[in-house]
Amino acid sequence: MDNLVVSNVLHRKTRTVMSAAGVSLGVILVVMTVGLVHGFFNEQARRNAALTAEIIMSAPGTTFGLDLSPTLSIPIHIADEIRGMDGVAAVVPIGRFYRGRLVDGIDYESYTRVSNMHVVRGRPVASGDEAMIDSFLERTKHLSVGDQVEVFDRPFRIVGVYEPESLGRIKVPLSTLQSFSNASGLCSSLLVKVTDPSQQEDVAARIRERYPDYGFFLTRDLPALYAGGTPALQTFLKVVVALSIIVSTLVILLTMYTTVTERTRQIGVLKSLGATRPWIAFEIQKEAMLISLLGVLAGFAVSAVGKIVLVRVTPLNIDLEPIWLLYALGLGIVSGAFGALYPAVRASGLDPVKALSYE
């Protein structure tokens, strides 16, 4: 950037700061929203990786293998029928409940057959209003064995802490969840472990043939399913990106239009000294792009600080992916250049005689 552009930017410091803040708002909107959505799905995929079961049987309409809005709707007696099929080593029913946070209903002894979960402090849940929490919840909420945690709108006593993180962060007895949901004999999902992992597709096909109305997923495919998200969320992200472009473009358009109006006389002086139309238009564009760049960098800084704060004070996981930082940089610069297009053309087309007489 040449001295003229820098001088113009520094001459109106307040306007420059406010304009850069408008651009940074669009950047923060994109980066943080995408980071929250992708962080949630990546976290779910990572926690699901603790399962050693190869197949998940879920209710019809399930999108991610383990439903994000779960209900107890699968008869548990189906587990006994699947256990008798060739190639099946174990079938474990689990219940899932969501109200503000996700709670899993399990039978601990059978659940350990299809996961790497183990108790590191205290003991497993057995019956009644007992709960286990993972080490992350213990650390961030400062909970320990013997404390109480609210589940189903009533206090549950924490009897154990488990690792690694797996599915919901709170585990209660499956019988307790069934009693609360008035769903005796039902579960949310069946976790199927096969005798030979290389034959998991064949086993899944046989189970699907017998129970065609249910959803079937291979646990190895869950990371890809979560990474892809849902069509609704992808549409939402596109809307967020579009809004950020509109906001940044309008901010730069208003700023540069006002700048051109205020500098009409100066532009006339430049033209009288031999400045060409392309040169004047390019100067306006360079000033807009400098302001946009400052706004993008400020947006990156605020997003990084926001991530640190949110991760420390909330259970949210935010992934600031480098590719989206690059996208945000490109969107900020492009929207700035586009927003300055009309003011640049207007400035370059001013009549020097009229511009010199402008008051």
Protein backbone atom coordinates (compact mmCIF):
# COMPACT_ATOMS: atom_id res chain seq x y z
CA MET A 1 0.00 0.00 0.00
CA ASP A 2 1.36 3.46 -0.87
CA ASN A 3 1.59 6.44 1.50
CA LEU A 4 -1.61 8.04 0.15
CA VAL A 5 -3.75 5.04 1.04
CA VAL A 6 -2.23 4.70 4.51
CA SER A 7 -2.62 8.43 5.14
CA ASN A 8 -6.27 8.33 4.09
CA VAL A 9 -6.93 5.40 6.44
CA LEU A 10 -5.19 7.08 9.39
CA HIS A 11 -6.78 10.47 8.75
CA ARG A 12 -10.21 9.27 9.87
CA LYS A 13 -9.27 6.88 12.67
CA THR A 14 -12.73 6.49 14.17
CA ARG A 15 -14.33 5.76 10.81
CA THR A 16 -11.57 3.30 9.96
CA VAL A 17 -12.03 1.48 13.28
CA MET A 18 -15.81 1.30 12.90
CA SER A 19 -15.57 0.11 9.29
CA ALA A 20 -13.00 -2.55 10.20
CA ALA A 21 -15.27 -3.61 13.07
CA GLY A 22 -18.14 -4.08 10.62
CA VAL A 23 -16.00 -6.32 8.44
CA SER A 24 -14.70 -8.22 11.49
CA LEU A 25 -18.31 -8.85 12.58
CA GLY A 26 -18.92 -10.76 9.36
CA VAL A 27 -15.69 -12.73 9.83
CA ILE A 28 -16.56 -13.61 13.43
CA LEU A 29 -20.04 -14.66 12.34
CA VAL A 30 -18.62 -17.12 9.82
CA VAL A 31 -15.64 -18.43 11.77
CA MET A 32 -17.40 -18.91 15.12
CA THR A 33 -20.61 -20.38 13.68
CA VAL A 34 -18.73 -22.87 11.53
CA GLY A 35 -16.38 -23.60 14.43
CA LEU A 36 -19.29 -24.35 16.76
CA VAL A 37 -21.09 -26.63 14.29
CA HIS A 38 -18.00 -28.53 13.20
CA GLY A 39 -16.68 -28.65 16.75
CA PHE A 40 -19.88 -30.29 17.95
CA PHE A 41 -19.86 -32.92 15.21
CA ASN A 42 -16.14 -33.62 15.53
CA GLU A 43 -16.53 -34.01 19.29
CA GLN A 44 -19.41 -36.45 18.80
CA ALA A 45 -17.39 -38.46 16.29
CA ARG A 46 -14.38 -38.59 18.62
CA ARG A 47 -16.45 -39.74 21.58
CA ASN A 48 -18.24 -42.36 19.49
CA ALA A 49 -14.82 -43.75 18.54
CA ALA A 50 -14.60 -45.20 22.07
CA LEU A 51 -17.11 -47.85 20.99
CA THR A 52 -15.66 -51.22 20.00
CA ALA A 53 -18.98 -52.44 18.59
CA GLU A 54 -18.88 -52.49 14.81
CA ILE A 55 -22.61 -52.05 14.10
CA ILE A 56 -25.23 -49.70 15.52
CA MET A 57 -28.91 -50.47 15.12
CA SER A 58 -31.08 -47.38 15.67
CA ALA A 59 -34.66 -46.27 15.32
CA PRO A 60 -36.00 -45.46 11.83
CA GLY A 61 -35.02 -42.01 10.59
CA THR A 62 -31.79 -41.82 12.57
CA THR A 63 -29.16 -39.73 10.77
CA PHE A 64 -25.93 -40.29 12.70
CA GLY A 65 -26.19 -43.83 14.00
CA LEU A 66 -26.79 -42.55 17.53
CA ASP A 67 -29.72 -40.16 17.34
CA LEU A 68 -29.22 -36.58 18.54
CA SER A 69 -32.90 -36.45 19.59
CA PRO A 70 -33.25 -39.94 21.03
CA THR A 71 -36.29 -41.83 22.26
CA LEU A 72 -36.71 -45.33 23.65
CA SER A 73 -38.52 -47.14 20.85
CA ILE A 74 -36.63 -50.38 20.06
CA PRO A 75 -37.87 -53.54 21.83
CA ILE A 76 -35.00 -55.06 23.81
CA HIS A 77 -36.08 -58.60 22.91
CA ILE A 78 -34.67 -57.91 19.42
CA ALA A 79 -31.21 -58.04 21.03
CA ASP A 80 -31.77 -61.69 21.99
CA GLU A 81 -32.83 -62.51 18.43
CA ILE A 82 -29.75 -60.83 16.92
CA ARG A 83 -27.41 -62.64 19.36
CA GLY A 84 -28.48 -65.90 17.78
CA MET A 85 -27.40 -64.85 14.29
CA ASP A 86 -24.16 -66.04 12.70
CA GLY A 87 -21.14 -63.80 13.21
CA VAL A 88 -22.57 -61.89 16.20
CA ALA A 89 -20.47 -61.87 19.38
CA ALA A 90 -22.50 -59.50 21.56
CA VAL A 91 -25.54 -57.23 21.41
CA VAL A 92 -25.97 -54.51 24.03
CA PRO A 93 -29.03 -52.24 24.37
CA ILE A 94 -28.56 -48.63 25.49
CA GLY A 95 -31.04 -45.87 26.22
CA ARG A 96 -30.51 -42.19 25.44
CA PHE A 97 -32.30 -39.15 26.80
CA TYR A 98 -31.79 -35.49 25.98
CA ARG A 99 -33.02 -32.51 27.96
CA GLY A 100 -30.37 -29.82 28.05
CA ARG A 101 -27.68 -32.51 28.04
CA LEU A 102 -27.37 -36.07 26.84
CA VAL A 103 -27.78 -38.93 29.32
CA ASP A 104 -27.11 -42.59 28.52
CA GLY A 105 -28.89 -45.47 30.16
CA ILE A 106 -26.64 -48.54 30.31
CA ASP A 107 -26.02 -51.84 31.99
CA TYR A 108 -22.36 -51.36 32.92
CA GLU A 109 -21.23 -54.97 32.73
CA SER A 110 -22.65 -55.54 29.25
CA TYR A 111 -21.67 -52.06 28.00
CA THR A 112 -17.98 -52.76 28.65
CA ARG A 113 -18.19 -55.59 26.10
CA VAL A 114 -18.79 -53.10 23.28
CA SER A 115 -16.67 -50.15 24.45
CA ASN A 116 -13.36 -49.25 26.06
CA MET A 117 -15.07 -47.59 29.02
CA HIS A 118 -13.74 -48.34 32.50
CA VAL A 119 -14.24 -46.81 35.94
CA VAL A 120 -11.24 -44.84 37.22
CA ARG A 121 -12.75 -43.60 40.49
CA GLY A 122 -15.62 -44.96 42.54
CA ARG A 123 -17.78 -47.78 41.17
CA PRO A 124 -20.17 -48.44 38.27
CA VAL A 125 -23.84 -47.53 38.38
CA ALA A 126 -26.06 -50.37 39.56
CA SER A 127 -29.63 -49.24 40.18
CA GLY A 128 -31.81 -46.38 41.33
CA ASP A 129 -30.78 -42.73 41.15
CA GLU A 130 -27.08 -43.32 40.60
CA ALA A 131 -24.91 -41.70 37.94
CA MET A 132 -21.43 -41.93 36.50
CA ILE A 133 -19.71 -38.98 34.86
CA ASP A 134 -16.69 -38.78 32.56
CA SER A 135 -13.41 -37.18 33.60
CA PHE A 136 -14.12 -34.08 31.47
CA LEU A 137 -17.30 -33.30 33.39
CA GLU A 138 -15.53 -34.04 36.66
CA ARG A 139 -12.75 -31.57 35.77
CA THR A 140 -14.80 -28.74 34.28
CA LYS A 141 -17.74 -28.83 36.71
CA HIS A 142 -15.56 -29.63 39.76
CA LEU A 143 -17.63 -32.70 40.60
CA SER A 144 -16.45 -35.78 42.44
CA VAL A 145 -17.70 -39.13 43.70
CA GLY A 146 -20.37 -38.56 46.33
CA ASP A 147 -21.60 -35.26 44.86
CA GLN A 148 -25.00 -34.82 43.28
CA VAL A 149 -25.87 -34.01 39.68
CA GLU A 150 -29.34 -33.17 38.36
CA VAL A 151 -30.77 -35.75 35.98
CA PHE A 152 -34.45 -36.06 34.99
CA ASP A 153 -35.18 -32.95 37.10
CA ARG A 154 -34.06 -34.64 40.31
CA PRO A 155 -30.73 -35.19 42.08
CA PHE A 156 -28.66 -38.27 41.26
CA ARG A 157 -25.69 -39.31 43.39
CA ILE A 158 -22.38 -39.64 41.52
CA VAL A 159 -20.95 -43.08 42.28
CA GLY A 160 -18.14 -43.22 39.71
CA VAL A 161 -15.98 -41.48 37.14
CA TYR A 162 -15.20 -43.24 33.86
CA GLU A 163 -12.77 -42.95 30.95
CA PRO A 164 -12.48 -42.55 28.02
CA GLU A 165 -15.22 -40.11 27.04
CA SER A 166 -17.96 -42.10 25.37
CA LEU A 167 -21.32 -40.91 23.99
CA GLY A 168 -23.17 -38.91 26.68
CA ARG A 169 -21.13 -37.55 29.56
CA ILE A 170 -23.58 -38.89 32.17
CA LYS A 171 -24.43 -42.58 32.53
CA VAL A 172 -27.36 -43.89 34.58
CA PRO A 173 -28.81 -47.40 34.91
CA LEU A 174 -30.89 -48.37 31.87
CA SER A 175 -33.69 -49.52 34.17
CA THR A 176 -33.85 -46.05 35.76
CA LEU A 177 -34.13 -44.38 32.36
CA GLN A 178 -36.82 -46.83 31.27
CA SER A 179 -38.80 -46.17 34.44
CA PHE A 180 -38.57 -42.40 33.99
CA SER A 181 -39.62 -42.64 30.32
CA ASN A 182 -42.41 -45.18 30.98
CA ALA A 183 -40.70 -47.36 28.38
CA SER A 184 -40.18 -50.71 30.06
CA GLY A 185 -38.52 -53.20 27.73
CA LEU A 186 -37.42 -50.55 25.24
CA CYS A 187 -34.09 -48.95 24.31
CA SER A 188 -32.76 -46.31 21.91
CA SER A 189 -30.04 -48.28 20.12
CA LEU A 190 -28.47 -51.72 19.93
CA LEU A 191 -24.67 -51.98 19.79
CA VAL A 192 -23.59 -55.09 17.90
CA LYS A 193 -20.11 -56.57 18.17
CA VAL A 194 -19.15 -59.14 15.54
CA THR A 195 -16.82 -62.09 15.91
CA ASP A 196 -14.81 -61.17 12.80
CA PRO A 197 -14.54 -57.42 12.10
CA SER A 198 -13.65 -58.10 8.46
CA GLN A 199 -17.17 -59.54 8.02
CA GLN A 200 -19.06 -56.63 9.59
CA GLU A 201 -20.66 -55.57 6.30
CA ASP A 202 -22.06 -59.07 5.76
CA VAL A 203 -23.37 -59.28 9.32
CA ALA A 204 -24.95 -55.83 9.02
CA ALA A 205 -26.60 -56.88 5.74
CA ARG A 206 -28.12 -59.99 7.35
CA ILE A 207 -29.48 -58.00 10.28
CA ARG A 208 -30.85 -55.31 7.94
CA GLU A 209 -32.58 -57.96 5.85
CA ARG A 210 -34.32 -59.27 8.96
CA TYR A 211 -35.18 -55.83 10.37
CA PRO A 212 -35.57 -53.57 7.31
CA ASP A 213 -37.43 -50.79 9.12
CA TYR A 214 -34.52 -49.86 11.39
CA GLY A 215 -31.41 -47.78 10.77
CA PHE A 216 -28.01 -49.48 10.56
CA PHE A 217 -24.60 -47.83 10.70
CA LEU A 218 -21.02 -49.01 10.91
CA THR A 219 -19.14 -47.26 13.72
CA ARG A 220 -16.14 -46.79 11.43
CA ASP A 221 -18.34 -44.55 9.22
CA LEU A 222 -19.51 -42.25 12.03
CA PRO A 223 -16.68 -39.68 11.70
CA ALA A 224 -17.51 -39.21 8.01
CA LEU A 225 -21.24 -38.94 8.78
CA TYR A 226 -20.66 -36.30 11.41
CA ALA A 227 -18.16 -34.42 9.26
CA GLY A 228 -20.73 -34.20 6.48
CA GLY A 229 -23.35 -32.82 8.85
CA THR A 230 -26.98 -32.59 7.77
CA PRO A 231 -28.45 -30.79 4.75
CA ALA A 232 -30.27 -28.37 7.07
CA LEU A 233 -27.07 -27.43 8.85
CA GLN A 234 -25.17 -27.05 5.60
CA THR A 235 -27.92 -24.71 4.38
CA PHE A 236 -27.69 -22.78 7.63
CA LEU A 237 -23.94 -22.35 7.20
CA LYS A 238 -24.44 -21.09 3.66
CA VAL A 239 -26.95 -18.53 4.93
CA VAL A 240 -24.46 -17.38 7.57
CA VAL A 241 -21.74 -16.96 4.95
CA ALA A 242 -24.11 -15.01 2.69
CA LEU A 243 -25.14 -12.71 5.55
CA SER A 244 -21.52 -12.03 6.45
CA ILE A 245 -20.75 -11.08 2.84
CA ILE A 246 -23.75 -8.74 2.73
CA VAL A 247 -22.81 -7.07 6.03
CA SER A 248 -19.17 -6.58 5.01
CA THR A 249 -20.09 -5.32 1.56
CA LEU A 250 -22.60 -2.76 2.88
CA VAL A 251 -20.16 -1.51 5.52
CA ILE A 252 -17.42 -0.92 2.95
CA LEU A 253 -19.88 0.56 0.43
CA LEU A 254 -21.15 3.11 2.97
CA THR A 255 -17.64 3.93 4.19
CA MET A 256 -16.09 4.45 0.76
CA TYR A 257 -19.10 6.32 -0.62
CA THR A 258 -18.87 8.77 2.28
CA THR A 259 -15.13 9.01 1.78
CA VAL A 260 -15.50 9.86 -1.92
CA THR A 261 -18.12 12.50 -1.12
CA GLU A 262 -15.89 14.15 1.48
CA ARG A 263 -12.84 14.06 -0.78
CA THR A 264 -14.48 15.37 -3.94
CA ARG A 265 -12.29 18.47 -3.95
CA GLN A 266 -9.11 16.45 -3.31
CA ILE A 267 -10.01 14.13 -6.17
CA GLY A 268 -10.41 17.19 -8.40
CA VAL A 269 -6.90 18.33 -7.40
CA LEU A 270 -5.47 14.91 -8.23
CA LYS A 271 -7.18 14.94 -11.64
CA SER A 272 -5.89 18.43 -12.39
CA LEU A 273 -2.39 17.15 -11.63
CA GLY A 274 -2.78 14.37 -14.20
CA ALA A 275 -4.24 11.47 -12.21
CA THR A 276 -6.03 9.06 -14.54
CA ARG A 277 -9.43 7.47 -13.91
CA PRO A 278 -8.00 3.94 -13.41
CA TRP A 279 -5.42 5.29 -10.94
CA ILE A 280 -8.06 7.05 -8.81
CA ALA A 281 -10.37 4.02 -8.88
CA PHE A 282 -7.50 1.76 -7.87
CA GLU A 283 -6.58 4.05 -4.94
CA ILE A 284 -10.15 3.82 -3.64
CA GLN A 285 -10.07 0.04 -4.03
CA LYS A 286 -6.73 -0.24 -2.22
CA GLU A 287 -8.05 1.80 0.70
CA ALA A 288 -11.14 -0.41 0.95
CA MET A 289 -9.06 -3.58 0.82
CA LEU A 290 -6.73 -2.30 3.53
CA ILE A 291 -9.70 -1.60 5.80
CA SER A 292 -11.11 -5.05 4.96
CA LEU A 293 -7.78 -6.70 5.77
CA LEU A 294 -7.65 -4.94 9.14
CA GLY A 295 -11.21 -6.09 9.81
CA VAL A 296 -10.41 -9.70 8.87
CA LEU A 297 -7.34 -9.78 11.14
CA ALA A 298 -9.36 -8.27 13.99
CA GLY A 299 -12.05 -10.90 13.38
CA PHE A 300 -9.47 -13.68 13.58
CA ALA A 301 -8.13 -12.29 16.87
CA VAL A 302 -11.59 -11.95 18.45
CA SER A 303 -12.54 -15.46 17.28
CA ALA A 304 -9.37 -16.96 18.79
CA VAL A 305 -9.97 -15.23 22.13
CA GLY A 306 -13.65 -16.19 22.02
CA LYS A 307 -12.75 -19.82 21.47
CA ILE A 308 -10.42 -19.87 24.47
CA VAL A 309 -13.03 -18.27 26.72
CA LEU A 310 -15.95 -20.45 25.59
CA VAL A 311 -13.98 -23.70 25.81
CA ARG A 312 -12.90 -22.86 29.36
CA VAL A 313 -16.26 -21.75 30.75
CA THR A 314 -18.62 -24.01 28.78
CA PRO A 315 -18.62 -27.65 27.59
CA LEU A 316 -18.68 -26.43 23.97
CA ASN A 317 -15.99 -27.56 21.57
CA ILE A 318 -15.02 -25.04 18.87
CA ASP A 319 -12.82 -25.99 15.92
CA LEU A 320 -11.27 -23.01 14.13
CA GLU A 321 -10.33 -24.90 11.00
CA PRO A 322 -7.53 -23.34 8.89
CA ILE A 323 -9.48 -23.83 5.67
CA TRP A 324 -12.37 -21.72 7.02
CA LEU A 325 -9.96 -19.03 8.22
CA LEU A 326 -8.70 -18.93 4.65
CA TYR A 327 -12.27 -18.76 3.34
CA ALA A 328 -13.05 -15.91 5.74
CA LEU A 329 -9.95 -14.04 4.59
CA GLY A 330 -11.01 -14.39 0.96
CA LEU A 331 -14.62 -13.44 1.69
CA GLY A 332 -13.55 -10.35 3.63
CA ILE A 333 -11.22 -9.09 0.91
CA VAL A 334 -13.63 -9.88 -1.93
CA SER A 335 -16.61 -8.25 -0.18
CA GLY A 336 -14.46 -5.19 0.54
CA ALA A 337 -13.40 -4.89 -3.07
CA PHE A 338 -16.96 -5.38 -4.29
CA GLY A 339 -18.35 -2.86 -1.80
CA ALA A 340 -15.84 -0.24 -2.97
CA LEU A 341 -16.57 -0.82 -6.66
CA TYR A 342 -19.34 1.78 -7.04
CA PRO A 343 -17.58 4.49 -4.97
CA ALA A 344 -14.38 3.87 -6.98
CA VAL A 345 -16.20 4.23 -10.31
CA ARG A 346 -17.97 7.36 -9.04
CA ALA A 347 -14.70 8.90 -7.87
CA SER A 348 -12.94 8.18 -11.16
CA GLY A 349 -15.80 9.73 -13.14
CA LEU A 350 -15.89 13.07 -11.32
CA ASP A 351 -15.46 16.12 -13.52
CA PRO A 352 -12.27 17.89 -12.34
CA VAL A 353 -13.71 21.40 -12.83
CA LYS A 354 -16.82 20.63 -10.78
CA ALA A 355 -14.76 18.73 -8.23
CA LEU A 356 -12.43 21.72 -7.68
CA SER A 357 -15.43 24.01 -7.10
CA TYR A 358 -17.06 21.54 -4.65
CA GLU A 359 -17.56 22.97 -1.16
